[in-house]
C-alpha atoms as a PDB file:
ATOM      1  CA  MET A   1      18.495  33.155   5.451  1.00  0.00           C
ATOM      2  CA  GLY A   2      21.087  34.202   7.982  1.00  0.00           C
ATOM      3  CA  THR A   3      24.602  35.420   7.420  1.00  0.00           C
ATOM      4  CA  GLY A   4      25.992  34.422  10.809  1.00  0.00           C
ATOM      5  CA  ARG A   5      29.248  32.808  11.812  1.00  0.00           C
ATOM      6  CA  THR A   6      28.051  29.234  11.345  1.00  0.00           C
ATOM      7  CA  LEU A   7      27.477  29.785   7.637  1.00  0.00           C
ATOM      8  CA  ARG A   8      30.967  31.247   7.136  1.00  0.00           C
ATOM      9  CA  LYS A   9      32.717  28.257   8.763  1.00  0.00           C
ATOM     10  CA  GLU A  10      32.255  25.943   5.803  1.00  0.00           C
ATOM     11  CA  SER A  11      34.434  23.073   6.973  1.00  0.00           C
ATOM     12  CA  HIS A  12      32.531  22.889  10.260  1.00  0.00           C
ATOM     13  CA  VAL A  13      29.037  23.003   8.787  1.00  0.00           C
ATOM     14  CA  ARG A  14      29.030  19.640   7.030  1.00  0.00           C
ATOM     15  CA  PRO A  15      29.348  16.506   9.164  1.00  0.00           C
ATOM     16  CA  CYS A  16      32.130  14.009   8.469  1.00  0.00           C
ATOM     17  CA  LYS A  17      31.254  10.823   6.626  1.00  0.00           C
ATOM     18  CA  THR A  18      31.638   7.814   8.886  1.00  0.00           C
ATOM     19  CA  PRO A  19      32.468   4.224   7.930  1.00  0.00           C
ATOM     20  CA  ALA A  20      29.175   3.096   9.465  1.00  0.00           C
ATOM     21  CA  GLY A  21      27.259   5.529   7.259  1.00  0.00           C
ATOM     22  CA  LYS A  22      29.120   4.338   4.186  1.00  0.00           C
ATOM     23  CA  ALA A  23      28.310   0.709   5.026  1.00  0.00           C
ATOM     24  CA  ARG A  24      24.656   1.637   5.550  1.00  0.00           C
ATOM     25  CA  ARG A  25      24.458   3.374   2.164  1.00  0.00           C
ATOM     26  CA  SER A  26      26.224   0.497   0.429  1.00  0.00           C
ATOM     27  CA  LYS A  27      23.836  -2.034   1.963  1.00  0.00           C
ATOM     28  CA  ALA A  28      20.818   0.023   0.894  1.00  0.00           C
ATOM     29  CA  GLN A  29      22.159   0.340  -2.667  1.00  0.00           C
ATOM     30  CA  ARG A  30      22.743  -3.407  -2.913  1.00  0.00           C
ATOM     31  CA  ALA A  31      19.192  -4.049  -1.687  1.00  0.00           C
ATOM     32  CA  ARG A  32      17.907  -1.638  -4.334  1.00  0.00           C
ATOM     33  CA  LEU A  33      19.671  -3.625  -7.080  1.00  0.00           C
ATOM     34  CA  VAL A  34      18.075  -6.833  -5.821  1.00  0.00           C
ATOM     35  CA  LYS A  35      14.671  -5.122  -5.979  1.00  0.00           C
ATOM     36  CA  PHE A  36      15.415  -4.159  -9.585  1.00  0.00           C
ATOM     37  CA  GLY A  37      15.642  -7.875 -10.363  1.00  0.00           C
ATOM     38  CA  MET A  38      19.320  -8.804 -10.055  1.00  0.00           C
ATOM     39  CA  LYS A  39      20.319 -11.956  -8.217  1.00  0.00           C
ATOM     40  CA  ALA A  40      21.540 -11.412  -4.658  1.00  0.00           C
ATOM     41  CA  GLU A  41      24.623 -13.583  -5.283  1.00  0.00           C
ATOM     42  CA  ASP A  42      25.655 -11.453  -8.261  1.00  0.00           C
ATOM     43  CA  VAL A  43      25.197  -8.224  -6.312  1.00  0.00           C
ATOM     44  CA  GLN A  44      27.177  -9.612  -3.384  1.00  0.00           C
ATOM     45  CA  HIS A  45      30.245 -10.213  -5.579  1.00  0.00           C
ATOM     46  CA  MET A  46      30.199  -6.702  -7.073  1.00  0.00           C
ATOM     47  CA  GLY A  47      32.405  -3.900  -5.859  1.00  0.00           C
ATOM     48  CA  ASP A  48      31.006  -0.782  -4.197  1.00  0.00           C
ATOM     49  CA  GLU A  49      31.808   1.446  -7.157  1.00  0.00           C
ATOM     50  CA  GLU A  50      30.082  -0.834  -9.655  1.00  0.00           C
ATOM     51  CA  VAL A  51      27.009  -1.003  -7.416  1.00  0.00           C
ATOM     52  CA  ARG A  52      26.922   2.802  -7.193  1.00  0.00           C
ATOM     53  CA  VAL A  53      27.042   3.151 -10.983  1.00  0.00           C
ATOM     54  CA  LEU A  54      24.251   0.623 -11.568  1.00  0.00           C
ATOM     55  CA  VAL A  55      21.951   2.141  -8.943  1.00  0.00           C
ATOM     56  CA  GLN A  56      22.124   5.437 -10.801  1.00  0.00           C
ATOM     57  CA  ARG A  57      20.841   3.791 -13.998  1.00  0.00           C
ATOM     58  CA  PRO A  58      17.841   1.525 -13.245  1.00  0.00           C
ATOM     59  CA  SER A  59      16.962   1.166 -16.926  1.00  0.00           C
ATOM     60  CA  VAL A  60      20.388  -0.366 -17.625  1.00  0.00           C
ATOM     61  CA  VAL A  61      19.882  -2.834 -14.761  1.00  0.00           C
ATOM     62  CA  LYS A  62      16.492  -3.889 -16.111  1.00  0.00           C
ATOM     63  CA  LYS A  63      18.022  -4.467 -19.561  1.00  0.00           C
ATOM     64  CA  LEU A  64      20.826  -6.578 -18.029  1.00  0.00           C
ATOM     65  CA  VAL A  65      18.297  -8.686 -16.116  1.00  0.00           C
ATOM     66  CA  ALA A  66      16.169  -9.185 -19.226  1.00  0.00           C
ATOM     67  CA  LYS A  67      19.230 -10.138 -21.271  1.00  0.00           C
ATOM     68  CA  LYS A  68      20.320 -12.772 -18.732  1.00  0.00           C
ATOM     69  CA  ALA A  69      16.781 -14.150 -18.486  1.00  0.00           C
ATOM     70  CA  SER A  70      16.545 -14.792 -22.232  1.00  0.00           C
END
């Protein structure tokens, strides 16, 4: 691993997050929730933060889907 100038300029090493990238990630996360079994209409009405939390816990999503189904 090098120790050159590019590794010392920390703020210039990481790329900036763009709104298009954020929208792409959000869309992918919503699609993931639909694949877990949630209804697309329910996922569409959720906020981005709630979607992010549920994607991190697939077992919780599966329990919610099973609870609504019964």
